[in-house]
Structure formats: structure tokens, C-alpha cells
Amino acid sequence: TRPTEELVGLEDAVPLPAVTFQPKLRGAPPQIVVPQEAIDAGIEGSWTVKLDINAEGRVVRALMKSKAGYGIDQACVQAWKATRWRPARKNGQAVAVLNVPKKCTLKAIE
């Protein structure tokens, strides 16, 4: 087997607790585009998205911890994959990091 293009940069990734400095989001948190299906169903809540961030600060993988359905999974993953980060550091070196937990929250509009 060979790594997929999506996972390039994670060969030497470390778990989040092993880093000296955690990755830091550049700019504001992403705006989630709420799927019409979720709006129609009146779905609201928070879900956890796990991010793998390479040593250049790019999200190379984003996975929902639990499925939400109604198109929410895809919307959350797409929004977080578009973010850019200051990379995690271990002993002064930028490193790739695995399983950075982030929230994806949808609130009903009154």
C-alpha cells in the first residue's frame, strides 16, 4: 500500500499531548454552511471534529467523532479542512499533529 495524497505530511505526526506548543488557528473559526436538510429538520447541537494538521499548518484530514446526518458531517468537515494553522511545535520544531478536537456547532435561527 502507499499513502494517499490526503495524508501527505503525517509520516512523523505526533499525538496532541506530546507537543510543546499546540497548533493555533489563524484567523476566525470557520463559518459552517448549514445544509438546507438540517434547517428543514430543525437540527441544532454541537459535534466534535478531529483534525490532523501537518507541519505546514494545513488540515490534511478532518473526521467527525460521531455522525450527525442531515448533511452536517460534510459541512463541518469541509469548513474545518479550509482552515489554516500555526503548526504545533515539539522541542522548537514544527511537527504534524493528530486528532486535534474542534467543535462544530449549529444553532436554530429564530
PDB file of N, CA and C in Angstrom:
ATOM      1  N   THR A   1       0.838  -1.180   0.000  1.00  0.00           N
ATOM      2  CA  THR A   1       0.000   0.000   0.000  1.00  0.00           C
ATOM      3  C   THR A   1       0.875   1.232   0.000  1.00  0.00           C
ATOM      4  N   ARG A   2       0.284   2.346  -0.370  1.00  0.00           N
ATOM      5  CA  ARG A   2       1.011   3.612  -0.338  1.00  0.00           C
ATOM      6  C   ARG A   2       0.085   4.681   0.216  1.00  0.00           C
ATOM      7  N   PRO A   3       0.653   5.712   0.830  1.00  0.00           N
ATOM      8  CA  PRO A   3      -0.194   6.739   1.416  1.00  0.00           C
ATOM      9  C   PRO A   3      -0.973   7.497   0.341  1.00  0.00           C
ATOM     10  N   THR A   4      -2.162   7.913   0.699  1.00  0.00           N
ATOM     11  CA  THR A   4      -2.934   8.717  -0.230  1.00  0.00           C
ATOM     12  C   THR A   4      -2.414  10.144  -0.192  1.00  0.00           C
ATOM     13  N   GLU A   5      -2.722  10.893  -1.211  1.00  0.00           N
ATOM     14  CA  GLU A   5      -2.298  12.280  -1.279  1.00  0.00           C
ATOM     15  C   GLU A   5      -2.819  13.077  -0.085  1.00  0.00           C
ATOM     16  N   GLU A   6      -3.983  12.711   0.403  1.00  0.00           N
ATOM     17  CA  GLU A   6      -4.617  13.417   1.505  1.00  0.00           C
ATOM     18  C   GLU A   6      -3.791  13.343   2.793  1.00  0.00           C
ATOM     19  N   LEU A   7      -3.004  12.308   2.969  1.00  0.00           N
ATOM     20  CA  LEU A   7      -2.273  12.121   4.216  1.00  0.00           C
ATOM     21  C   LEU A   7      -0.809  12.530   4.137  1.00  0.00           C
ATOM     22  N   VAL A   8      -0.387  13.116   3.019  1.00  0.00           N
ATOM     23  CA  VAL A   8       0.994  13.540   2.873  1.00  0.00           C
ATOM     24  C   VAL A   8       1.325  14.535   3.974  1.00  0.00           C
ATOM     25  N   GLY A   9       2.448  14.340   4.628  1.00  0.00           N
ATOM     26  CA  GLY A   9       2.865  15.236   5.680  1.00  0.00           C
ATOM     27  C   GLY A   9       2.574  14.721   7.072  1.00  0.00           C
ATOM     28  N   LEU A  10       2.024  13.522   7.191  1.00  0.00           N
ATOM     29  CA  LEU A  10       1.719  12.976   8.509  1.00  0.00           C
ATOM     30  C   LEU A  10       2.644  11.826   8.899  1.00  0.00           C
ATOM     31  N   GLU A  11       3.675  11.591   8.102  1.00  0.00           N
ATOM     32  CA  GLU A  11       4.565  10.459   8.385  1.00  0.00           C
ATOM     33  C   GLU A  11       5.144  10.512   9.793  1.00  0.00           C
ATOM     34  N   ASP A  12       5.534  11.686  10.232  1.00  0.00           N
ATOM     35  CA  ASP A  12       6.153  11.847  11.545  1.00  0.00           C
ATOM     36  C   ASP A  12       5.231  12.540  12.537  1.00  0.00           C
ATOM     37  N   ALA A  13       3.931  12.404  12.329  1.00  0.00           N
ATOM     38  CA  ALA A  13       2.963  13.085  13.189  1.00  0.00           C
ATOM     39  C   ALA A  13       3.029  12.546  14.615  1.00  0.00           C
ATOM     40  N   VAL A  14       2.714  13.434  15.543  1.00  0.00           N
ATOM     41  CA  VAL A  14       2.717  13.067  16.955  1.00  0.00           C
ATOM     42  C   VAL A  14       1.320  13.304  17.532  1.00  0.00           C
ATOM     43  N   PRO A  15       0.978  12.596  18.601  1.00  0.00           N
ATOM     44  CA  PRO A  15      -0.316  12.861  19.248  1.00  0.00           C
ATOM     45  C   PRO A  15      -0.299  14.238  19.919  1.00  0.00           C
ATOM     46  N   LEU A  16      -1.437  14.849  20.026  1.00  0.00           N
ATOM     47  CA  LEU A  16      -1.557  16.193  20.580  1.00  0.00           C
ATOM     48  C   LEU A  16      -0.891  16.362  21.949  1.00  0.00           C
ATOM     49  N   PRO A  17      -1.042  15.425  22.901  1.00  0.00           N
ATOM     50  CA  PRO A  17      -0.414  15.633  24.211  1.00  0.00           C
ATOM     51  C   PRO A  17       1.119  15.658  24.180  1.00  0.00           C
ATOM     52  N   ALA A  18       1.734  15.198  23.084  1.00  0.00           N
ATOM     53  CA  ALA A  18       3.190  15.115  23.022  1.00  0.00           C
ATOM     54  C   ALA A  18       3.855  16.402  22.547  1.00  0.00           C
ATOM     55  N   VAL A  19       3.093  17.410  22.150  1.00  0.00           N
ATOM     56  CA  VAL A  19       3.700  18.624  21.616  1.00  0.00           C
ATOM     57  C   VAL A  19       4.001  19.631  22.720  1.00  0.00           C
ATOM     58  N   THR A  20       4.987  20.486  22.469  1.00  0.00           N
ATOM     59  CA  THR A  20       5.352  21.539  23.403  1.00  0.00           C
ATOM     60  C   THR A  20       4.369  22.697  23.302  1.00  0.00           C
ATOM     61  N   PHE A  21       4.009  23.066  22.051  1.00  0.00           N
ATOM     62  CA  PHE A  21       3.027  24.110  21.789  1.00  0.00           C
ATOM     63  C   PHE A  21       1.976  23.552  20.852  1.00  0.00           C
ATOM     64  N   GLN A  22       0.707  23.726  21.215  1.00  0.00           N
ATOM     65  CA  GLN A  22      -0.385  23.209  20.387  1.00  0.00           C
ATOM     66  C   GLN A  22      -0.558  24.073  19.147  1.00  0.00           C
ATOM     67  N   PRO A  23      -1.149  23.504  18.088  1.00  0.00           N
ATOM     68  CA  PRO A  23      -1.408  24.317  16.894  1.00  0.00           C
ATOM     69  C   PRO A  23      -2.410  25.421  17.234  1.00  0.00           C
ATOM     70  N   LYS A  24      -2.278  26.551  16.534  1.00  0.00           N
ATOM     71  CA  LYS A  24      -3.157  27.692  16.804  1.00  0.00           C
ATOM     72  C   LYS A  24      -3.823  28.123  15.501  1.00  0.00           C
ATOM     73  N   LEU A  25      -5.122  28.270  15.546  1.00  0.00           N
ATOM     74  CA  LEU A  25      -5.905  28.671  14.379  1.00  0.00           C
ATOM     75  C   LEU A  25      -5.506  30.077  13.954  1.00  0.00           C
ATOM     76  N   ARG A  26      -5.284  30.248  12.659  1.00  0.00           N
ATOM     77  CA  ARG A  26      -5.009  31.584  12.102  1.00  0.00           C
ATOM     78  C   ARG A  26      -6.349  32.183  11.703  1.00  0.00           C
ATOM     79  N   GLY A  27      -6.694  33.290  12.288  1.00  0.00           N
ATOM     80  CA  GLY A  27      -7.956  33.939  11.950  1.00  0.00           C
ATOM     81  C   GLY A  27      -9.116  33.399  12.767  1.00  0.00           C
ATOM     82  N   ALA A  28     -10.307  33.725  12.294  1.00  0.00           N
ATOM     83  CA  ALA A  28     -11.541  33.363  12.993  1.00  0.00           C
ATOM     84  C   ALA A  28     -11.914  31.906  12.737  1.00  0.00           C
ATOM     85  N   PRO A  29     -12.682  31.307  13.635  1.00  0.00           N
ATOM     86  CA  PRO A  29     -13.186  29.952  13.382  1.00  0.00           C
ATOM     87  C   PRO A  29     -14.014  29.934  12.093  1.00  0.00           C
ATOM     88  N   PRO A  30     -14.098  28.794  11.448  1.00  0.00           N
ATOM     89  CA  PRO A  30     -14.813  28.747  10.172  1.00  0.00           C
ATOM     90  C   PRO A  30     -16.309  28.953  10.333  1.00  0.00           C
ATOM     91  N   GLN A  31     -16.912  29.512   9.300  1.00  0.00           N
ATOM     92  CA  GLN A  31     -18.362  29.658   9.245  1.00  0.00           C
ATOM     93  C   GLN A  31     -18.923  28.393   8.611  1.00  0.00           C
ATOM     94  N   ILE A  32     -19.771  27.701   9.325  1.00  0.00           N
ATOM     95  CA  ILE A  32     -20.370  26.471   8.832  1.00  0.00           C
ATOM     96  C   ILE A  32     -21.549  26.824   7.929  1.00  0.00           C
ATOM     97  N   VAL A  33     -21.555  26.294   6.717  1.00  0.00           N
ATOM     98  CA  VAL A  33     -22.698  26.477   5.818  1.00  0.00           C
ATOM     99  C   VAL A  33     -23.709  25.401   6.186  1.00  0.00           C
ATOM    100  N   VAL A  34     -24.795  25.821   6.834  1.00  0.00           N
ATOM    101  CA  VAL A  34     -25.782  24.872   7.340  1.00  0.00           C
ATOM    102  C   VAL A  34     -26.581  24.299   6.167  1.00  0.00           C
ATOM    103  N   PRO A  35     -26.590  22.977   6.030  1.00  0.00           N
ATOM    104  CA  PRO A  35     -27.340  22.358   4.940  1.00  0.00           C
ATOM    105  C   PRO A  35     -28.841  22.593   5.091  1.00  0.00           C
ATOM    106  N   GLN A  36     -29.511  22.783   3.973  1.00  0.00           N
ATOM    107  CA  GLN A  36     -30.955  23.023   3.990  1.00  0.00           C
ATOM    108  C   GLN A  36     -31.693  21.878   4.675  1.00  0.00           C
ATOM    109  N   GLU A  37     -31.216  20.658   4.481  1.00  0.00           N
ATOM    110  CA  GLU A  37     -31.838  19.488   5.109  1.00  0.00           C
ATOM    111  C   GLU A  37     -31.848  19.620   6.633  1.00  0.00           C
ATOM    112  N   ALA A  38     -30.755  20.131   7.207  1.00  0.00           N
ATOM    113  CA  ALA A  38     -30.675  20.324   8.654  1.00  0.00           C
ATOM    114  C   ALA A  38     -31.593  21.457   9.101  1.00  0.00           C
ATOM    115  N   ILE A  39     -31.692  22.511   8.295  1.00  0.00           N
ATOM    116  CA  ILE A  39     -32.580  23.632   8.613  1.00  0.00           C
ATOM    117  C   ILE A  39     -34.027  23.149   8.624  1.00  0.00           C
ATOM    118  N   ASP A  40     -34.396  22.420   7.578  1.00  0.00           N
ATOM    119  CA  ASP A  40     -35.771  21.922   7.469  1.00  0.00           C
ATOM    120  C   ASP A  40     -36.148  21.007   8.634  1.00  0.00           C
ATOM    121  N   ALA A  41     -35.162  20.235   9.116  1.00  0.00           N
ATOM    122  CA  ALA A  41     -35.419  19.301  10.215  1.00  0.00           C
ATOM    123  C   ALA A  41     -35.286  19.965  11.588  1.00  0.00           C
ATOM    124  N   GLY A  42     -34.851  21.239  11.619  1.00  0.00           N
ATOM    125  CA  GLY A  42     -34.699  21.944  12.891  1.00  0.00           C
ATOM    126  C   GLY A  42     -33.577  21.388  13.751  1.00  0.00           C
ATOM    127  N   ILE A  43     -32.526  20.880  13.114  1.00  0.00           N
ATOM    128  CA  ILE A  43     -31.407  20.272  13.844  1.00  0.00           C
ATOM    129  C   ILE A  43     -30.495  21.356  14.402  1.00  0.00           C
ATOM    130  N   GLU A  44     -30.132  21.215  15.664  1.00  0.00           N
ATOM    131  CA  GLU A  44     -29.124  22.069  16.274  1.00  0.00           C
ATOM    132  C   GLU A  44     -28.337  21.235  17.278  1.00  0.00           C
ATOM    133  N   GLY A  45     -27.138  21.685  17.563  1.00  0.00           N
ATOM    134  CA  GLY A  45     -26.299  20.964  18.507  1.00  0.00           C
ATOM    135  C   GLY A  45     -24.833  21.184  18.216  1.00  0.00           C
ATOM    136  N   SER A  46     -23.989  20.459  18.941  1.00  0.00           N
ATOM    137  CA  SER A  46     -22.539  20.540  18.769  1.00  0.00           C
ATOM    138  C   SER A  46     -21.985  19.148  18.558  1.00  0.00           C
ATOM    139  N   TRP A  47     -21.010  19.060  17.671  1.00  0.00           N
ATOM    140  CA  TRP A  47     -20.343  17.799  17.375  1.00  0.00           C
ATOM    141  C   TRP A  47     -18.851  18.059  17.372  1.00  0.00           C
ATOM    142  N   THR A  48     -18.076  17.031  17.655  1.00  0.00           N
ATOM    143  CA  THR A  48     -16.624  17.148  17.665  1.00  0.00           C
ATOM    144  C   THR A  48     -16.065  16.678  16.329  1.00  0.00           C
ATOM    145  N   VAL A  49     -15.138  17.478  15.802  1.00  0.00           N
ATOM    146  CA  VAL A  49     -14.405  17.143  14.587  1.00  0.00           C
ATOM    147  C   VAL A  49     -12.951  16.959  14.998  1.00  0.00           C
ATOM    148  N   LYS A  50     -12.336  15.860  14.575  1.00  0.00           N
ATOM    149  CA  LYS A  50     -10.919  15.592  14.874  1.00  0.00           C
ATOM    150  C   LYS A  50     -10.092  15.988  13.660  1.00  0.00           C
ATOM    151  N   LEU A  51      -9.086  16.857  13.861  1.00  0.00           N
ATOM    152  CA  LEU A  51      -8.258  17.359  12.772  1.00  0.00           C
ATOM    153  C   LEU A  51      -6.849  16.794  12.851  1.00  0.00           C
ATOM    154  N   ASP A  52      -6.308  16.425  11.700  1.00  0.00           N
ATOM    155  CA  ASP A  52      -4.890  16.098  11.568  1.00  0.00           C
ATOM    156  C   ASP A  52      -4.268  17.268  10.822  1.00  0.00           C
ATOM    157  N   ILE A  53      -3.273  17.920  11.443  1.00  0.00           N
ATOM    158  CA  ILE A  53      -2.664  19.132  10.899  1.00  0.00           C
ATOM    159  C   ILE A  53      -1.198  18.859  10.627  1.00  0.00           C
ATOM    160  N   ASN A  54      -0.748  19.146   9.394  1.00  0.00           N
ATOM    161  CA  ASN A  54       0.648  18.861   9.059  1.00  0.00           C
ATOM    162  C   ASN A  54       1.573  19.950   9.595  1.00  0.00           C
ATOM    163  N   ALA A  55       2.871  19.780   9.402  1.00  0.00           N
ATOM    164  CA  ALA A  55       3.870  20.695   9.947  1.00  0.00           C
ATOM    165  C   ALA A  55       3.860  22.055   9.260  1.00  0.00           C
ATOM    166  N   GLU A  56       3.129  22.192   8.163  1.00  0.00           N
ATOM    167  CA  GLU A  56       2.983  23.483   7.489  1.00  0.00           C
ATOM    168  C   GLU A  56       1.714  24.208   7.936  1.00  0.00           C
ATOM    169  N   GLY A  57       0.911  23.590   8.789  1.00  0.00           N
ATOM    170  CA  GLY A  57      -0.291  24.222   9.302  1.00  0.00           C
ATOM    171  C   GLY A  57      -1.532  23.998   8.456  1.00  0.00           C
ATOM    172  N   ARG A  58      -1.517  22.988   7.606  1.00  0.00           N
ATOM    173  CA  ARG A  58      -2.679  22.665   6.774  1.00  0.00           C
ATOM    174  C   ARG A  58      -3.410  21.454   7.354  1.00  0.00           C
ATOM    175  N   VAL A  59      -4.732  21.527   7.344  1.00  0.00           N
ATOM    176  CA  VAL A  59      -5.546  20.388   7.777  1.00  0.00           C
ATOM    177  C   VAL A  59      -5.534  19.379   6.630  1.00  0.00           C
ATOM    178  N   VAL A  60      -4.984  18.200   6.890  1.00  0.00           N
ATOM    179  CA  VAL A  60      -4.918  17.178   5.842  1.00  0.00           C
ATOM    180  C   VAL A  60      -5.989  16.113   6.012  1.00  0.00           C
ATOM    181  N   ARG A  61      -6.608  16.091   7.187  1.00  0.00           N
ATOM    182  CA  ARG A  61      -7.732  15.168   7.392  1.00  0.00           C
ATOM    183  C   ARG A  61      -8.616  15.728   8.502  1.00  0.00           C
ATOM    184  N   ALA A  62      -9.917  15.631   8.290  1.00  0.00           N
ATOM    185  CA  ALA A  62     -10.897  16.034   9.295  1.00  0.00           C
ATOM    186  C   ALA A  62     -11.971  14.959   9.330  1.00  0.00           C
ATOM    187  N   LEU A  63     -12.239  14.445  10.512  1.00  0.00           N
ATOM    188  CA  LEU A  63     -13.231  13.384  10.679  1.00  0.00           C
ATOM    189  C   LEU A  63     -14.166  13.728  11.826  1.00  0.00           C
ATOM    190  N   MET A  64     -15.436  13.451  11.630  1.00  0.00           N
ATOM    191  CA  MET A  64     -16.411  13.638  12.700  1.00  0.00           C
ATOM    192  C   MET A  64     -16.218  12.531  13.731  1.00  0.00           C
ATOM    193  N   LYS A  65     -16.262  12.886  15.011  1.00  0.00           N
ATOM    194  CA  LYS A  65     -16.153  11.874  16.064  1.00  0.00           C
ATOM    195  C   LYS A  65     -17.390  10.982  16.061  1.00  0.00           C
ATOM    196  N   SER A  66     -18.556  11.595  15.824  1.00  0.00           N
ATOM    197  CA  SER A  66     -19.793  10.829  15.679  1.00  0.00           C
ATOM    198  C   SER A  66     -20.603  11.467  14.562  1.00  0.00           C
ATOM    199  N   LYS A  67     -21.353  10.661  13.864  1.00  0.00           N
ATOM    200  CA  LYS A  67     -22.121  11.128  12.716  1.00  0.00           C
ATOM    201  C   LYS A  67     -23.341  11.930  13.159  1.00  0.00           C
ATOM    202  N   ALA A  68     -23.612  13.014  12.438  1.00  0.00           N
ATOM    203  CA  ALA A  68     -24.758  13.867  12.733  1.00  0.00           C
ATOM    204  C   ALA A  68     -25.880  13.678  11.712  1.00  0.00           C
ATOM    205  N   GLY A  69     -25.506  13.374  10.472  1.00  0.00           N
ATOM    206  CA  GLY A  69     -26.512  13.224   9.419  1.00  0.00           C
ATOM    207  C   GLY A  69     -26.999  14.577   8.908  1.00  0.00           C
ATOM    208  N   TYR A  70     -28.000  14.580   8.066  1.00  0.00           N
ATOM    209  CA  TYR A  70     -28.619  15.777   7.507  1.00  0.00           C
ATOM    210  C   TYR A  70     -27.637  16.675   6.745  1.00  0.00           C
ATOM    211  N   GLY A  71     -26.515  16.113   6.283  1.00  0.00           N
ATOM    212  CA  GLY A  71     -25.511  16.900   5.568  1.00  0.00           C
ATOM    213  C   GLY A  71     -24.573  17.666   6.477  1.00  0.00           C
ATOM    214  N   ILE A  72     -24.787  17.538   7.782  1.00  0.00           N
ATOM    215  CA  ILE A  72     -23.980  18.282   8.759  1.00  0.00           C
ATOM    216  C   ILE A  72     -22.536  17.792   8.758  1.00  0.00           C
ATOM    217  N   ASP A  73     -22.339  16.484   8.644  1.00  0.00           N
ATOM    218  CA  ASP A  73     -20.982  15.925   8.657  1.00  0.00           C
ATOM    219  C   ASP A  73     -20.120  16.561   7.575  1.00  0.00           C
ATOM    220  N   GLN A  74     -20.642  16.584   6.361  1.00  0.00           N
ATOM    221  CA  GLN A  74     -19.887  17.133   5.239  1.00  0.00           C
ATOM    222  C   GLN A  74     -19.626  18.630   5.425  1.00  0.00           C
ATOM    223  N   ALA A  75     -20.622  19.360   5.920  1.00  0.00           N
ATOM    224  CA  ALA A  75     -20.471  20.802   6.124  1.00  0.00           C
ATOM    225  C   ALA A  75     -19.391  21.106   7.164  1.00  0.00           C
ATOM    226  N   CYS A  76     -19.393  20.360   8.268  1.00  0.00           N
ATOM    227  CA  CYS A  76     -18.401  20.576   9.326  1.00  0.00           C
ATOM    228  C   CYS A  76     -17.001  20.233   8.838  1.00  0.00           C
ATOM    229  N   VAL A  77     -16.861  19.082   8.200  1.00  0.00           N
ATOM    230  CA  VAL A  77     -15.556  18.650   7.699  1.00  0.00           C
ATOM    231  C   VAL A  77     -15.025  19.642   6.673  1.00  0.00           C
ATOM    232  N   GLN A  78     -15.863  20.051   5.735  1.00  0.00           N
ATOM    233  CA  GLN A  78     -15.447  20.986   4.691  1.00  0.00           C
ATOM    234  C   GLN A  78     -14.987  22.318   5.295  1.00  0.00           C
ATOM    235  N   ALA A  79     -15.724  22.825   6.272  1.00  0.00           N
ATOM    236  CA  ALA A  79     -15.373  24.100   6.892  1.00  0.00           C
ATOM    237  C   ALA A  79     -14.036  24.016   7.627  1.00  0.00           C
ATOM    238  N   TRP A  80     -13.827  22.969   8.415  1.00  0.00           N
ATOM    239  CA  TRP A  80     -12.579  22.847   9.174  1.00  0.00           C
ATOM    240  C   TRP A  80     -11.393  22.518   8.283  1.00  0.00           C
ATOM    241  N   LYS A  81     -11.603  21.788   7.189  1.00  0.00           N
ATOM    242  CA  LYS A  81     -10.495  21.488   6.272  1.00  0.00           C
ATOM    243  C   LYS A  81      -9.977  22.743   5.578  1.00  0.00           C
ATOM    244  N   ALA A  82     -10.788  23.772   5.482  1.00  0.00           N
ATOM    245  CA  ALA A  82     -10.388  25.009   4.818  1.00  0.00           C
ATOM    246  C   ALA A  82      -9.590  25.943   5.736  1.00  0.00           C
ATOM    247  N   THR A  83      -9.456  25.602   7.014  1.00  0.00           N
ATOM    248  CA  THR A  83      -8.745  26.472   7.953  1.00  0.00           C
ATOM    249  C   THR A  83      -7.235  26.310   7.818  1.00  0.00           C
ATOM    250  N   ARG A  84      -6.515  27.335   8.279  1.00  0.00           N
ATOM    251  CA  ARG A  84      -5.058  27.305   8.311  1.00  0.00           C
ATOM    252  C   ARG A  84      -4.603  27.551   9.746  1.00  0.00           C
ATOM    253  N   TRP A  85      -3.468  26.950  10.083  1.00  0.00           N
ATOM    254  CA  TRP A  85      -2.999  26.941  11.468  1.00  0.00           C
ATOM    255  C   TRP A  85      -1.538  27.325  11.573  1.00  0.00           C
ATOM    256  N   ARG A  86      -1.165  27.833  12.738  1.00  0.00           N
ATOM    257  CA  ARG A  86       0.247  27.895  13.097  1.00  0.00           C
ATOM    258  C   ARG A  86       0.546  26.480  13.588  1.00  0.00           C
ATOM    259  N   PRO A  87       1.564  25.851  13.031  1.00  0.00           N
ATOM    260  CA  PRO A  87       1.777  24.441  13.367  1.00  0.00           C
ATOM    261  C   PRO A  87       2.127  24.204  14.834  1.00  0.00           C
ATOM    262  N   ALA A  88       1.854  22.978  15.252  1.00  0.00           N
ATOM    263  CA  ALA A  88       2.277  22.546  16.590  1.00  0.00           C
ATOM    264  C   ALA A  88       3.804  22.514  16.613  1.00  0.00           C
ATOM    265  N   ARG A  89       4.364  22.599  17.794  1.00  0.00           N
ATOM    266  CA  ARG A  89       5.822  22.544  17.932  1.00  0.00           C
ATOM    267  C   ARG A  89       6.187  21.547  19.027  1.00  0.00           C
ATOM    268  N   LYS A  90       7.282  20.863  18.747  1.00  0.00           N
ATOM    269  CA  LYS A  90       7.856  19.952  19.741  1.00  0.00           C
ATOM    270  C   LYS A  90       9.348  20.219  19.745  1.00  0.00           C
ATOM    271  N   ASN A  91       9.861  20.614  20.901  1.00  0.00           N
ATOM    272  CA  ASN A  91      11.280  20.947  21.041  1.00  0.00           C
ATOM    273  C   ASN A  91      11.723  21.979  20.012  1.00  0.00           C
ATOM    274  N   GLY A  92      10.885  22.979  19.754  1.00  0.00           N
ATOM    275  CA  GLY A  92      11.234  24.066  18.855  1.00  0.00           C
ATOM    276  C   GLY A  92      11.015  23.794  17.371  1.00  0.00           C
ATOM    277  N   GLN A  93      10.661  22.577  17.012  1.00  0.00           N
ATOM    278  CA  GLN A  93      10.456  22.201  15.616  1.00  0.00           C
ATOM    279  C   GLN A  93       8.971  22.084  15.310  1.00  0.00           C
ATOM    280  N   ALA A  94       8.574  22.572  14.128  1.00  0.00           N
ATOM    281  CA  ALA A  94       7.185  22.402  13.690  1.00  0.00           C
ATOM    282  C   ALA A  94       6.955  20.922  13.420  1.00  0.00           C
ATOM    283  N   VAL A  95       5.830  20.395  13.912  1.00  0.00           N
ATOM    284  CA  VAL A  95       5.508  18.979  13.723  1.00  0.00           C
ATOM    285  C   VAL A  95       4.045  18.829  13.317  1.00  0.00           C
ATOM    286  N   ALA A  96       3.774  17.741  12.613  1.00  0.00           N
ATOM    287  CA  ALA A  96       2.394  17.374  12.309  1.00  0.00           C
ATOM    288  C   ALA A  96       1.783  16.800  13.583  1.00  0.00           C
ATOM    289  N   VAL A  97       0.499  17.010  13.751  1.00  0.00           N
ATOM    290  CA  VAL A  97      -0.180  16.548  14.960  1.00  0.00           C
ATOM    291  C   VAL A  97      -1.503  15.891  14.571  1.00  0.00           C
ATOM    292  N   LEU A  98      -1.872  14.890  15.347  1.00  0.00           N
ATOM    293  CA  LEU A  98      -3.069  14.097  15.066  1.00  0.00           C
ATOM    294  C   LEU A  98      -4.179  14.369  16.071  1.00  0.00           C
ATOM    295  N   ASN A  99      -5.415  14.266  15.598  1.00  0.00           N
ATOM    296  CA  ASN A  99      -6.610  14.263  16.449  1.00  0.00           C
ATOM    297  C   ASN A  99      -6.794  15.519  17.303  1.00  0.00           C
ATOM    298  N   VAL A 100      -6.669  16.682  16.679  1.00  0.00           N
ATOM    299  CA  VAL A 100      -6.933  17.941  17.371  1.00  0.00           C
ATOM    300  C   VAL A 100      -8.453  18.113  17.426  1.00  0.00           C
ATOM    301  N   PRO A 101      -9.055  18.117  18.617  1.00  0.00           N
ATOM    302  CA  PRO A 101     -10.515  18.209  18.691  1.00  0.00           C
ATOM    303  C   PRO A 101     -11.005  19.646  18.529  1.00  0.00           C
ATOM    304  N   LYS A 102     -12.015  19.807  17.693  1.00  0.00           N
ATOM    305  CA  LYS A 102     -12.652  21.101  17.482  1.00  0.00           C
ATOM    306  C   LYS A 102     -14.156  20.900  17.446  1.00  0.00           C
ATOM    307  N   LYS A 103     -14.903  21.937  17.766  1.00  0.00           N
ATOM    308  CA  LYS A 103     -16.363  21.858  17.793  1.00  0.00           C
ATOM    309  C   LYS A 103     -16.954  22.387  16.501  1.00  0.00           C
ATOM    310  N   CYS A 104     -18.066  21.785  16.141  1.00  0.00           N
ATOM    311  CA  CYS A 104     -18.887  22.242  15.033  1.00  0.00           C
ATOM    312  C   CYS A 104     -20.278  22.429  15.639  1.00  0.00           C
ATOM    313  N   THR A 105     -20.722  23.678  15.731  1.00  0.00           N
ATOM    314  CA  THR A 105     -21.982  23.977  16.421  1.00  0.00           C
ATOM    315  C   THR A 105     -22.973  24.615  15.457  1.00  0.00           C
ATOM    316  N   LEU A 106     -24.191  24.103  15.495  1.00  0.00           N
ATOM    317  CA  LEU A 106     -25.291  24.655  14.708  1.00  0.00           C
ATOM    318  C   LEU A 106     -26.378  25.082  15.669  1.00  0.00           C
ATOM    319  N   LYS A 107     -26.877  26.320  15.480  1.00  0.00           N
ATOM    320  CA  LYS A 107     -27.956  26.837  16.316  1.00  0.00           C
ATOM    321  C   LYS A 107     -29.122  27.211  15.414  1.00  0.00           C
ATOM    322  N   ALA A 108     -30.307  26.945  15.892  1.00  0.00           N
ATOM    323  CA  ALA A 108     -31.511  27.311  15.138  1.00  0.00           C
ATOM    324  C   ALA A 108     -31.627  28.831  15.061  1.00  0.00           C
ATOM    325  N   ILE A 109     -32.057  29.301  13.920  1.00  0.00           N
ATOM    326  CA  ILE A 109     -32.263  30.746  13.728  1.00  0.00           C
ATOM    327  C   ILE A 109     -33.714  31.055  14.048  1.00  0.00           C
ATOM    328  N   GLU A 110     -33.910  31.980  14.943  1.00  0.00           N
ATOM    329  CA  GLU A 110     -35.288  32.368  15.340  1.00  0.00           C
ATOM    330  C   GLU A 110     -35.870  33.353  14.360  1.00  0.00           C
TER     331      GLU A 110
END
